[in-house]
């Protein structure tokens, strides 16, 4: 009975997170209402992928390490932070829906920081925000979708730059978004993020 209740609560939380993410994306300069973009010629697929990218904090080699994916993903969930913690099921649901990564056990995650059962400690510090726009998509023969966007990178020190980003998505009917991000890379002069 208790397990069933936890599963139901987890699903409700995932739906709430996903719904709020698909409605709006935020940047340091302004709030971007994704729904208002329907007046443009963007398809629903383009709107969904753009919304996912605007809630993504994982780029480049960070995709190679599950701990990095989890830590960076918590930046998208800061509105759910209570004291210095976010509920573990919110984090694992988000990571699974965004990236298709099934995080099973976070009991030893960030073990150098305080631990609280059922929660994940949020490591304090400044973080970079990303705002994607001008999306173009290409459906690949293997079923994946290649996406190219302009991305404004808002650094935690207040500076910003505009680059191109290349991302790869895979359709996933088990994801609340309908897709998972396989990778996303930002083209910067001489550096890959």
Protein backbone atom coordinates (compact mmCIF):
# COMPACT_ATOMS: atom_id res chain seq x y z
CA UNK A 1 0.00 0.00 0.00
CA UNK A 2 2.81 2.39 0.96
CA UNK A 3 4.70 1.60 -2.27
CA UNK A 4 1.59 2.29 -4.34
CA UNK A 5 1.08 5.61 -2.59
CA UNK A 6 4.72 6.60 -3.26
CA UNK A 7 4.37 5.66 -6.94
CA UNK A 8 1.17 7.73 -7.26
CA UNK A 9 2.79 10.74 -5.54
CA UNK A 10 5.88 10.37 -7.78
CA UNK A 11 3.73 10.35 -10.89
CA UNK A 12 1.77 13.39 -9.72
CA UNK A 13 5.03 15.26 -9.04
CA UNK A 14 6.41 14.30 -12.46
CA UNK A 15 3.24 15.55 -14.17
CA UNK A 16 3.37 18.83 -12.24
CA UNK A 17 7.05 19.37 -13.12
CA UNK A 18 6.57 18.45 -16.76
CA UNK A 19 3.47 20.61 -17.10
CA UNK A 20 5.18 23.65 -15.64
CA UNK A 21 8.21 23.09 -17.87
CA UNK A 22 6.18 22.86 -21.06
CA UNK A 23 4.26 26.03 -20.27
CA UNK A 24 7.16 28.40 -19.81
CA UNK A 25 10.93 28.65 -19.94
CA UNK A 26 12.85 31.26 -17.99
CA UNK A 27 16.02 33.21 -18.73
CA UNK A 28 17.82 35.83 -16.67
CA UNK A 29 16.56 38.60 -18.95
CA UNK A 30 12.88 37.74 -19.24
CA UNK A 31 10.32 34.99 -19.02
CA UNK A 32 9.68 33.32 -22.34
CA UNK A 33 6.16 31.97 -22.66
CA UNK A 34 6.41 28.95 -24.95
CA UNK A 35 2.65 28.95 -25.57
CA UNK A 36 2.81 32.43 -27.12
CA UNK A 37 5.30 31.03 -29.65
CA UNK A 38 2.41 29.18 -31.30
CA UNK A 39 1.76 32.35 -33.29
CA UNK A 40 4.99 31.56 -35.12
CA UNK A 41 5.33 28.75 -37.61
CA UNK A 42 6.84 26.33 -35.10
CA UNK A 43 5.38 22.84 -35.00
CA UNK A 44 4.39 21.14 -31.74
CA UNK A 45 7.52 18.97 -32.02
CA UNK A 46 9.72 22.07 -32.37
CA UNK A 47 7.98 23.71 -29.40
CA UNK A 48 8.46 20.61 -27.23
CA UNK A 49 12.14 20.22 -28.14
CA UNK A 50 12.79 23.92 -27.62
CA UNK A 51 11.11 23.80 -24.22
CA UNK A 52 13.25 20.82 -23.21
CA UNK A 53 16.42 22.62 -24.30
CA UNK A 54 15.40 25.69 -22.31
CA UNK A 55 15.21 23.50 -19.19
CA UNK A 56 18.44 21.67 -19.91
CA UNK A 57 21.64 22.37 -17.96
CA UNK A 58 23.65 19.37 -19.21
CA UNK A 59 26.10 19.97 -22.07
CA UNK A 60 29.10 18.30 -23.67
CA UNK A 61 31.06 15.83 -21.58
CA UNK A 62 28.65 16.18 -18.63
CA UNK A 63 26.50 13.60 -20.47
CA UNK A 64 29.27 11.05 -19.85
CA UNK A 65 28.80 11.05 -16.07
CA UNK A 66 25.48 10.26 -14.37
CA UNK A 67 26.48 12.23 -11.25
CA UNK A 68 27.10 15.32 -13.39
CA UNK A 69 23.73 14.86 -15.09
CA UNK A 70 21.97 14.67 -11.71
CA UNK A 71 23.82 17.65 -10.19
CA UNK A 72 23.26 19.86 -13.22
CA UNK A 73 19.62 18.80 -13.54
CA UNK A 74 18.88 20.07 -10.05
CA UNK A 75 19.32 23.61 -11.43
CA UNK A 76 16.06 23.09 -13.33
CA UNK A 77 14.32 22.07 -10.10
CA UNK A 78 15.44 24.85 -7.76
CA UNK A 79 11.88 26.11 -7.37
CA UNK A 80 11.21 22.82 -5.52
CA UNK A 81 14.14 23.28 -3.14
CA UNK A 82 13.27 23.12 0.55
CA UNK A 83 16.11 24.34 2.73
CA UNK A 84 19.11 22.80 0.95
CA UNK A 85 17.30 19.75 -0.44
CA UNK A 86 15.07 18.61 -3.31
CA UNK A 87 12.94 15.49 -3.01
CA UNK A 88 14.78 12.54 -4.50
CA UNK A 89 11.82 11.34 -6.58
CA UNK A 90 11.53 14.77 -8.26
CA UNK A 91 15.18 14.57 -9.28
CA UNK A 92 15.05 10.97 -10.50
CA UNK A 93 11.79 11.55 -12.42
CA UNK A 94 13.20 14.66 -14.11
CA UNK A 95 16.45 12.91 -15.11
CA UNK A 96 14.52 9.92 -16.44
CA UNK A 97 12.06 12.05 -18.44
CA UNK A 98 14.70 14.44 -19.84
CA UNK A 99 17.58 12.06 -20.53
CA UNK A 100 16.19 8.53 -20.27
CA UNK A 101 18.58 7.77 -17.41
CA UNK A 102 17.05 5.55 -14.75
CA UNK A 103 18.67 6.60 -11.48
CA UNK A 104 18.05 3.77 -9.04
CA UNK A 105 19.95 4.72 -5.90
CA UNK A 106 21.09 8.15 -4.74
CA UNK A 107 22.00 7.09 -1.20
CA UNK A 108 25.74 7.57 -1.88
CA UNK A 109 25.29 10.51 -4.26
CA UNK A 110 27.27 13.62 -3.22
CA UNK A 111 28.40 11.67 -0.14
CA UNK A 112 30.71 14.51 0.94
CA UNK A 113 27.63 16.68 1.64
CA UNK A 114 24.88 16.35 4.26
CA UNK A 115 22.38 13.54 3.70
CA UNK A 116 18.66 13.37 4.41
CA UNK A 117 16.62 10.25 3.55
CA UNK A 118 14.40 10.76 0.51
CA UNK A 119 16.11 14.01 -0.49
CA UNK A 120 19.07 15.17 -2.54
CA UNK A 121 21.37 17.89 -1.23
CA UNK A 122 21.68 20.88 -3.56
CA UNK A 123 25.31 21.93 -3.89
CA UNK A 124 25.42 25.72 -3.52
CA UNK A 125 27.05 27.92 -6.10
CA UNK A 126 26.44 30.05 -9.15
CA UNK A 127 25.30 28.36 -12.31
CA UNK A 128 24.97 29.18 -15.98
CA UNK A 129 21.55 29.51 -17.64
CA UNK A 130 20.73 28.85 -21.29
CA UNK A 131 18.08 30.28 -23.60
CA UNK A 132 17.59 28.48 -26.93
CA UNK A 133 15.75 29.90 -29.94
CA UNK A 134 15.74 29.78 -33.76
CA UNK A 135 15.33 26.03 -33.86
CA UNK A 136 15.86 23.89 -36.92
CA UNK A 137 15.30 20.15 -36.83
CA UNK A 138 16.29 17.23 -39.03
CA UNK A 139 14.69 13.80 -38.78
CA UNK A 140 17.44 11.20 -39.08
CA UNK A 141 17.07 7.79 -40.73
CA UNK A 142 17.61 6.02 -37.39
CA UNK A 143 14.60 7.80 -35.83
CA UNK A 144 16.61 10.36 -33.87
CA UNK A 145 16.14 14.08 -34.33
CA UNK A 146 19.10 16.45 -34.82
CA UNK A 147 18.42 19.96 -33.55
CA UNK A 148 20.36 23.16 -34.14
CA UNK A 149 19.58 26.31 -32.17
CA UNK A 150 20.96 29.69 -31.27
CA UNK A 151 21.69 29.66 -27.55
CA UNK A 152 22.31 32.64 -25.31
CA UNK A 153 24.54 31.60 -22.43
CA UNK A 154 23.99 33.66 -19.27
CA UNK A 155 27.00 33.16 -16.99
CA UNK A 156 26.63 33.38 -13.22
CA UNK A 157 28.87 36.49 -13.20
CA UNK A 158 26.32 38.42 -15.30
CA UNK A 159 28.07 38.16 -18.67
CA UNK A 160 26.48 36.50 -21.68
CA UNK A 161 27.42 35.14 -25.10
CA UNK A 162 25.46 33.79 -28.06
CA UNK A 163 26.52 30.55 -29.73
CA UNK A 164 25.14 27.69 -31.83
CA UNK A 165 24.08 24.47 -30.14
CA UNK A 166 23.74 21.01 -31.64
CA UNK A 167 21.52 18.53 -29.83
CA UNK A 168 20.28 15.02 -30.47
CA UNK A 169 16.89 13.75 -29.32
CA UNK A 170 15.36 10.31 -29.39
CA UNK A 171 11.59 9.77 -29.26
CA UNK A 172 10.51 8.04 -26.05
CA UNK A 173 6.85 7.29 -25.40
CA UNK A 174 7.69 6.61 -21.73
CA UNK A 175 8.96 10.17 -21.26
CA UNK A 176 6.52 12.86 -20.16
CA UNK A 177 8.08 15.03 -22.86
CA UNK A 178 7.83 12.42 -25.60
CA UNK A 179 11.60 12.62 -26.16
CA UNK A 180 14.94 12.28 -24.39
CA UNK A 181 17.99 14.44 -24.92
CA UNK A 182 20.86 12.16 -25.95
CA UNK A 183 23.40 14.99 -26.00
CA UNK A 184 23.70 18.73 -26.44
CA UNK A 185 26.86 20.60 -27.36
CA UNK A 186 27.53 24.30 -27.58
CA UNK A 187 29.87 25.50 -30.30
CA UNK A 188 32.26 28.02 -28.76
CA UNK A 189 35.51 29.22 -30.34
CA UNK A 190 38.17 26.65 -29.42
CA UNK A 191 36.07 25.05 -26.63
CA UNK A 192 33.34 22.41 -26.55
CA UNK A 193 30.83 22.74 -23.72
